[in-house]
C-alpha atoms as a PDB file:
ATOM      1  CA  MET A   1      -0.147   0.111  -0.028  1.00  0.00           C
ATOM      2  CA  PRO A   2       1.469   3.405  -1.016  1.00  0.00           C
ATOM      3  CA  LEU A   3       2.182   5.924   1.916  1.00  0.00           C
ATOM      4  CA  PRO A   4      -0.095   8.900   1.820  1.00  0.00           C
ATOM      5  CA  THR A   5       1.685  12.146   0.756  1.00  0.00           C
ATOM      6  CA  PHE A   6       1.989  15.106   3.122  1.00  0.00           C
ATOM      7  CA  ARG A   7       2.424  18.829   2.854  1.00  0.00           C
ATOM      8  CA  ASP A   8       4.291  21.059   5.067  1.00  0.00           C
ATOM      9  CA  GLY A   9       2.701  22.914   8.018  1.00  0.00           C
ATOM     10  CA  ASN A  10       1.894  26.005   6.036  1.00  0.00           C
ATOM     11  CA  VAL A  11      -1.410  24.318   4.998  1.00  0.00           C
ATOM     12  CA  LEU A  12      -2.568  24.970   8.516  1.00  0.00           C
ATOM     13  CA  ALA A  13      -2.527  28.753   8.027  1.00  0.00           C
ATOM     14  CA  GLY A  14      -5.957  28.759   6.562  1.00  0.00           C
ATOM     15  CA  PRO A  15      -7.741  26.579   9.023  1.00  0.00           C
ATOM     16  CA  LEU A  16      -6.208  28.306  12.038  1.00  0.00           C
ATOM     17  CA  SER A  17      -6.279  31.917  10.842  1.00  0.00           C
ATOM     18  CA  GLY A  18      -9.950  32.198  11.930  1.00  0.00           C
ATOM     19  CA  VAL A  19      -8.934  31.113  15.449  1.00  0.00           C
ATOM     20  CA  PHE A  20      -5.589  32.718  16.094  1.00  0.00           C
ATOM     21  CA  ALA A  21      -4.575  36.501  15.220  1.00  0.00           C
ATOM     22  CA  ALA A  22      -0.944  35.660  14.801  1.00  0.00           C
ATOM     23  CA  ASP A  23       0.587  33.565  12.100  1.00  0.00           C
ATOM     24  CA  VAL A  24       0.499  30.099  13.593  1.00  0.00           C
ATOM     25  CA  THR A  25       2.858  28.648  10.979  1.00  0.00           C
ATOM     26  CA  ALA A  26       5.644  30.791  12.626  1.00  0.00           C
ATOM     27  CA  ALA A  27       4.942  29.436  16.156  1.00  0.00           C
ATOM     28  CA  TRP A  28       7.300  26.802  17.448  1.00  0.00           C
ATOM     29  CA  LEU A  29       6.289  23.445  18.700  1.00  0.00           C
ATOM     30  CA  ARG A  30       8.382  20.950  20.933  1.00  0.00           C
ATOM     31  CA  CYS A  31       7.689  17.305  20.301  1.00  0.00           C
ATOM     32  CA  PRO A  32       7.092  15.335  23.487  1.00  0.00           C
ATOM     33  CA  ASP A  33       8.706  12.179  22.131  1.00  0.00           C
ATOM     34  CA  CYS A  34      11.863  13.232  20.373  1.00  0.00           C
ATOM     35  CA  GLY A  35      12.393  16.865  21.796  1.00  0.00           C
ATOM     36  CA  CYS A  36      12.621  18.282  18.252  1.00  0.00           C
ATOM     37  CA  GLU A  37      11.804  21.901  18.157  1.00  0.00           C
ATOM     38  CA  ALA A  38      10.546  23.358  14.936  1.00  0.00           C
ATOM     39  CA  PRO A  39       8.025  25.792  13.533  1.00  0.00           C
ATOM     40  CA  VAL A  40       4.610  24.639  12.837  1.00  0.00           C
ATOM     41  CA  ALA A  41       5.384  25.179   9.073  1.00  0.00           C
ATOM     42  CA  ALA A  42       7.945  22.458   9.269  1.00  0.00           C
ATOM     43  CA  LEU A  43       5.405  19.768  10.306  1.00  0.00           C
ATOM     44  CA  CYS A  44       4.391  17.023   7.986  1.00  0.00           C
ATOM     45  CA  VAL A  45       0.747  17.614   7.422  1.00  0.00           C
ATOM     46  CA  TYR A  46      -1.752  14.970   6.051  1.00  0.00           C
ATOM     47  CA  ASP A  47      -4.923  16.810   5.093  1.00  0.00           C
ATOM     48  CA  ALA A  48      -6.642  14.410   2.639  1.00  0.00           C
ATOM     49  CA  GLY A  49      -9.217  13.459   5.287  1.00  0.00           C
ATOM     50  CA  PRO A  50     -12.015  15.370   7.143  1.00  0.00           C
ATOM     51  CA  GLY A  51      -9.266  17.295   9.123  1.00  0.00           C
ATOM     52  CA  ALA A  52      -5.655  17.730   9.117  1.00  0.00           C
ATOM     53  CA  VAL A  53      -3.025  15.629  11.047  1.00  0.00           C
ATOM     54  CA  ALA A  54       0.368  17.250  11.670  1.00  0.00           C
ATOM     55  CA  ARG A  55       3.268  14.973  12.429  1.00  0.00           C
ATOM     56  CA  CYS A  56       6.708  15.777  13.781  1.00  0.00           C
ATOM     57  CA  ALA A  57       9.239  15.942  11.010  1.00  0.00           C
ATOM     58  CA  GLY A  58      11.839  14.276  13.426  1.00  0.00           C
ATOM     59  CA  CYS A  59      10.032  11.313  14.575  1.00  0.00           C
ATOM     60  CA  ASP A  60       6.668  11.052  12.775  1.00  0.00           C
ATOM     61  CA  ARG A  61       4.608  11.327  16.046  1.00  0.00           C
ATOM     62  CA  VAL A  62       1.283  13.123  15.798  1.00  0.00           C
ATOM     63  CA  ALA A  63       1.890  16.661  17.065  1.00  0.00           C
ATOM     64  CA  LEU A  64      -1.690  18.074  16.397  1.00  0.00           C
ATOM     65  CA  ARG A  65      -4.780  17.581  14.707  1.00  0.00           C
ATOM     66  CA  VAL A  66      -7.144  20.276  13.273  1.00  0.00           C
ATOM     67  CA  ALA A  67     -10.837  19.773  12.212  1.00  0.00           C
ATOM     68  CA  ARG A  68     -13.610  22.070  11.233  1.00  0.00           C
ATOM     69  CA  GLN A  69     -17.303  21.404  11.246  1.00  0.00           C
ATOM     70  CA  GLY A  70     -19.512  24.501  10.399  1.00  0.00           C
ATOM     71  CA  ASP A  71     -18.546  27.258  12.967  1.00  0.00           C
ATOM     72  CA  THR A  72     -16.488  24.785  15.157  1.00  0.00           C
ATOM     73  CA  VAL A  73     -12.828  24.300  14.988  1.00  0.00           C
ATOM     74  CA  TRP A  74     -11.126  21.618  17.073  1.00  0.00           C
ATOM     75  CA  VAL A  75      -7.358  21.790  17.656  1.00  0.00           C
ATOM     76  CA  ASP A  76      -6.135  18.559  19.381  1.00  0.00           C
ATOM     77  CA  PHE A  77      -2.531  18.423  20.759  1.00  0.00           C
ATOM     78  CA  GLY A  78      -2.591  14.614  21.145  1.00  0.00           C
ATOM     79  CA  GLY A  79      -2.345  13.820  24.770  1.00  0.00           C
ATOM     80  CA  GLY A  80      -2.188  17.479  25.894  1.00  0.00           C
ATOM     81  CA  GLY A  81      -5.926  18.004  25.569  1.00  0.00           C
ATOM     82  CA  ALA A  82      -7.850  19.770  22.709  1.00  0.00           C
ATOM     83  CA  LEU A  83      -9.177  23.345  22.184  1.00  0.00           C
ATOM     84  CA  ARG A  84     -12.636  24.093  20.721  1.00  0.00           C
ATOM     85  CA  PHE A  85     -13.251  27.444  19.021  1.00  0.00           C
ATOM     86  CA  THR A  86     -16.449  28.844  17.538  1.00  0.00           C
ATOM     87  CA  VAL A  87     -15.710  30.902  14.479  1.00  0.00           C
ATOM     88  CA  PRO A  88     -17.623  32.358  11.731  1.00  0.00           C
ATOM     89  CA  ASP A  89     -18.581  30.066   8.795  1.00  0.00           C
ATOM     90  CA  GLY A  90     -16.076  30.455   5.875  1.00  0.00           C
ATOM     91  CA  PRO A  91     -12.810  28.814   4.762  1.00  0.00           C
END
């Protein structure tokens, strides 16, 4: 079975722009497994499903998940809890 292709973390700019005022792709994330520190833009993002799954570029651990349904956006930090935001309908 072929591996799914991923895109870099810049694809999260759209889904998260309605939630955060700052450019989230410039924020840094530390992987709890391997300790790798990198900007969100460097994450490996799989977005072919109903949401986006971003994995650490160092060890492939799930770093965060983003999903939107209507006016609700979920940001799941995998083991660190999840944030739920209500945002206007749109992209």
